[in-house]
Amino acid sequence: MNACLPGLRLSLCLLFGMVLSSFVASGQNSQSLPVSYNFGEGATLTSNVRLNEINIHAFRHFRRRWPTVTGETWLKADGGYIVSFKEKSLRCQARFDTRGGFQYSLKYYAGKDTPGDLAGLIGIKYPAYGIDVVTEITNGEKTFYLVKIENSSSLKTISVSEGRVEVFEELINGGVHTDPGK
């Protein structure tokens, strides 16, 4: 009987270790799964952390600046918080530091949705190009745009700020997508 005891102990230890490791793993996974909150009238918020773990300064700033968004998702990441959402059917993101300070926001436009003044400025400088996608970047004080434009021979990423247009990146187009924005 004593000869079976070491084998039984080993089996019990292995079983206990498996149960404990699955318990710990399920506890870790539940924190990384999205949590959804409903605020009435169809307003929802999704997050990878509990609501009380989101910095209150970031949350209040976001709610004041973007009061009527949809699809609001908060992500706690290294260095702060990233909020993804839709504003007037446009995809957007806002970034806050760990103390809740606003850093910048991004808004993405399809070529056909490019604001008129921006499209006009690009059309004057690059008349043979179509606008594919626009990323609006703002830090609350300044706004600039990164714009992907293309024609049958080249792709360019241009930076537009304060009326200045500069080439940020230029590639040769293989002719795969030659009708941007449509």
Protein backbone atom coordinates (compact mmCIF):
# COMPACT_ATOMS: atom_id res chain seq x y z
CA MET A 1 0.00 0.00 0.00
CA ASN A 2 2.87 2.36 0.74
CA ALA A 3 4.24 1.65 -2.73
CA CYS A 4 1.09 3.15 -4.28
CA LEU A 5 1.23 6.28 -2.15
CA PRO A 6 3.93 8.15 -4.16
CA GLY A 7 2.06 7.43 -7.41
CA LEU A 8 -1.23 8.60 -5.87
CA ARG A 9 0.42 11.79 -4.60
CA LEU A 10 1.86 12.47 -8.04
CA SER A 11 -1.54 11.89 -9.68
CA LEU A 12 -3.31 14.17 -7.18
CA CYS A 13 -0.64 16.86 -7.63
CA LEU A 14 -1.00 16.70 -11.42
CA LEU A 15 -4.81 16.83 -11.17
CA PHE A 16 -4.67 19.75 -8.73
CA GLY A 17 -2.18 21.55 -10.99
CA MET A 18 -4.42 21.12 -14.03
CA VAL A 19 -7.50 22.40 -12.17
CA LEU A 20 -5.60 25.33 -10.70
CA SER A 21 -4.02 26.29 -14.04
CA SER A 22 -7.39 26.18 -15.83
CA PHE A 23 -8.92 28.32 -13.07
CA VAL A 24 -6.10 30.89 -13.32
CA ALA A 25 -6.25 30.88 -17.13
CA SER A 26 -10.03 31.41 -17.16
CA GLY A 27 -9.64 34.31 -14.72
CA GLN A 28 -7.06 35.96 -16.98
CA ASN A 29 -9.16 35.45 -20.11
CA SER A 30 -12.27 36.97 -18.55
CA GLN A 31 -10.38 40.24 -18.04
CA SER A 32 -9.30 40.41 -21.66
CA LEU A 33 -12.76 39.66 -23.05
CA PRO A 34 -14.87 42.67 -24.03
CA VAL A 35 -17.36 43.91 -21.48
CA SER A 36 -20.45 45.68 -22.78
CA TYR A 37 -22.44 48.38 -20.96
CA ASN A 38 -25.87 49.72 -21.95
CA PHE A 39 -26.79 53.31 -21.12
CA GLY A 40 -30.41 53.31 -22.30
CA GLU A 41 -31.79 54.66 -25.58
CA GLY A 42 -29.58 52.20 -27.49
CA ALA A 43 -26.28 53.70 -26.29
CA THR A 44 -23.65 51.04 -25.57
CA LEU A 45 -19.99 50.99 -24.65
CA THR A 46 -17.60 48.04 -25.02
CA SER A 47 -14.27 47.75 -23.22
CA ASN A 48 -11.49 45.28 -22.45
CA VAL A 49 -11.56 46.45 -18.80
CA ARG A 50 -14.29 47.26 -16.29
CA LEU A 51 -15.85 50.71 -16.60
CA ASN A 52 -14.33 51.92 -13.31
CA GLU A 53 -10.83 51.14 -14.66
CA ILE A 54 -11.16 53.72 -17.45
CA ASN A 55 -9.58 57.02 -16.44
CA ILE A 56 -12.39 59.43 -15.52
CA HIS A 57 -10.64 62.42 -17.15
CA ALA A 58 -10.33 60.55 -20.45
CA PHE A 59 -13.94 59.36 -20.24
CA ARG A 60 -15.32 62.84 -19.49
CA HIS A 61 -13.20 64.49 -22.21
CA PHE A 62 -14.41 61.91 -24.71
CA ARG A 63 -18.08 62.36 -23.76
CA ARG A 64 -17.85 66.17 -24.01
CA ARG A 65 -16.04 66.11 -27.37
CA TRP A 66 -18.01 63.25 -28.98
CA PRO A 67 -21.47 63.08 -27.30
CA THR A 68 -23.37 61.29 -30.10
CA VAL A 69 -21.13 58.50 -31.36
CA THR A 70 -21.96 54.87 -32.05
CA GLY A 71 -19.97 51.67 -31.59
CA GLU A 72 -17.86 53.10 -28.77
CA THR A 73 -15.09 50.66 -27.76
CA TRP A 74 -12.47 51.45 -25.12
CA LEU A 75 -9.15 49.62 -25.08
CA LYS A 76 -6.69 49.95 -22.24
CA ALA A 77 -3.26 49.70 -23.87
CA ASP A 78 0.35 50.44 -22.99
CA GLY A 79 0.62 54.15 -22.41
CA GLY A 80 -3.09 54.89 -22.11
CA TYR A 81 -6.46 54.35 -23.73
CA ILE A 82 -7.67 54.04 -27.31
CA VAL A 83 -11.33 54.64 -28.10
CA SER A 84 -12.70 53.41 -31.43
CA PHE A 85 -16.10 54.68 -32.56
CA LYS A 86 -18.18 55.93 -35.47
CA GLU A 87 -19.18 59.55 -35.91
CA LYS A 88 -21.67 60.22 -38.71
CA SER A 89 -20.82 56.80 -40.19
CA LEU A 90 -17.06 57.61 -40.31
CA ARG A 91 -14.59 55.40 -38.44
CA CYS A 92 -12.68 57.30 -35.76
CA GLN A 93 -10.22 56.77 -32.91
CA ALA A 94 -9.16 58.91 -29.96
CA ARG A 95 -6.03 58.37 -27.89
CA PHE A 96 -5.58 59.37 -24.23
CA ASP A 97 -2.53 58.97 -21.99
CA THR A 98 -2.64 57.03 -18.69
CA ARG A 99 -3.58 60.17 -16.77
CA GLY A 100 -6.52 60.82 -19.12
CA GLY A 101 -4.92 63.61 -21.14
CA PHE A 102 -6.08 63.83 -24.76
CA GLN A 103 -3.25 63.09 -27.20
CA TYR A 104 -4.84 62.94 -30.67
CA SER A 105 -7.74 61.66 -32.71
CA LEU A 106 -7.99 60.01 -36.12
CA LYS A 107 -10.90 60.15 -38.56
CA TYR A 108 -10.97 58.06 -41.73
CA TYR A 109 -12.74 59.15 -44.93
CA ALA A 110 -13.31 57.19 -48.12
CA GLY A 111 -12.19 59.16 -51.19
CA LYS A 112 -15.78 60.03 -52.13
CA ASP A 113 -16.38 61.48 -48.62
CA THR A 114 -13.35 63.82 -48.62
CA PRO A 115 -14.25 67.31 -47.38
CA GLY A 116 -14.73 69.69 -50.35
CA ASP A 117 -11.97 72.19 -49.52
CA LEU A 118 -9.42 69.38 -49.08
CA ALA A 119 -10.51 67.63 -52.29
CA GLY A 120 -10.25 70.94 -54.16
CA LEU A 121 -6.74 71.63 -52.90
CA ILE A 122 -5.56 68.14 -53.87
CA GLY A 123 -7.31 68.35 -57.24
CA ILE A 124 -5.41 71.54 -58.10
CA LYS A 125 -2.01 70.12 -57.14
CA TYR A 126 -2.61 66.56 -58.48
CA PRO A 127 -5.30 66.76 -61.19
CA ALA A 128 -4.49 63.36 -62.71
CA TYR A 129 -4.96 61.54 -59.38
CA GLY A 130 -8.00 60.20 -57.57
CA ILE A 131 -8.36 60.24 -53.80
CA ASP A 132 -8.45 56.76 -52.27
CA VAL A 133 -8.56 57.31 -48.49
CA VAL A 134 -8.02 60.24 -46.11
CA THR A 135 -6.86 60.14 -42.49
CA GLU A 136 -7.56 63.30 -40.51
CA ILE A 137 -5.25 63.68 -37.51
CA THR A 138 -5.79 66.30 -34.82
CA ASN A 139 -4.31 66.99 -31.42
CA GLY A 140 -6.92 69.55 -30.46
CA GLU A 141 -4.84 72.49 -31.69
CA LYS A 142 -3.69 71.52 -35.17
CA THR A 143 -5.22 69.30 -37.82
CA PHE A 144 -3.46 67.67 -40.73
CA TYR A 145 -4.35 65.01 -43.26
CA LEU A 146 -2.57 62.01 -44.72
CA VAL A 147 -4.16 61.32 -48.10
CA LYS A 148 -3.65 58.29 -50.33
CA ILE A 149 -3.98 59.31 -53.97
CA GLU A 150 -3.42 57.22 -57.07
CA ASN A 151 -3.54 57.04 -60.82
CA SER A 152 -2.64 54.27 -63.24
CA SER A 153 1.12 54.73 -62.78
CA SER A 154 1.72 55.71 -59.14
CA LEU A 155 0.43 55.75 -55.58
CA LYS A 156 1.24 58.63 -53.28
CA THR A 157 0.65 59.44 -49.67
CA ILE A 158 0.55 63.19 -49.28
CA SER A 159 0.48 65.30 -46.16
CA VAL A 160 -1.80 68.34 -46.15
CA SER A 161 -1.46 70.93 -43.39
CA GLU A 162 -2.28 74.64 -43.31
CA GLY A 163 -2.66 74.75 -47.09
CA ARG A 164 0.69 73.05 -47.75
CA VAL A 165 0.75 69.80 -49.71
CA GLU A 166 3.85 67.58 -49.48
CA VAL A 167 4.60 64.09 -50.75
CA PHE A 168 5.08 61.76 -47.81
CA GLU A 169 5.46 58.49 -49.74
CA GLU A 170 5.50 57.52 -53.43
CA LEU A 171 5.14 54.05 -54.94
CA ILE A 172 4.79 52.65 -58.45
CA ASN A 173 1.24 51.46 -59.12
CA GLY A 174 0.93 47.99 -60.59
CA GLY A 175 -2.44 48.97 -62.05
CA VAL A 176 -4.45 46.82 -59.64
CA HIS A 177 -6.72 49.61 -58.35
CA THR A 178 -6.92 52.61 -60.63
CA ASP A 179 -10.33 54.10 -59.83
CA PRO A 180 -10.12 55.36 -56.21
CA GLY A 181 -13.09 56.73 -54.37
CA LYS A 182 -15.70 55.02 -56.52
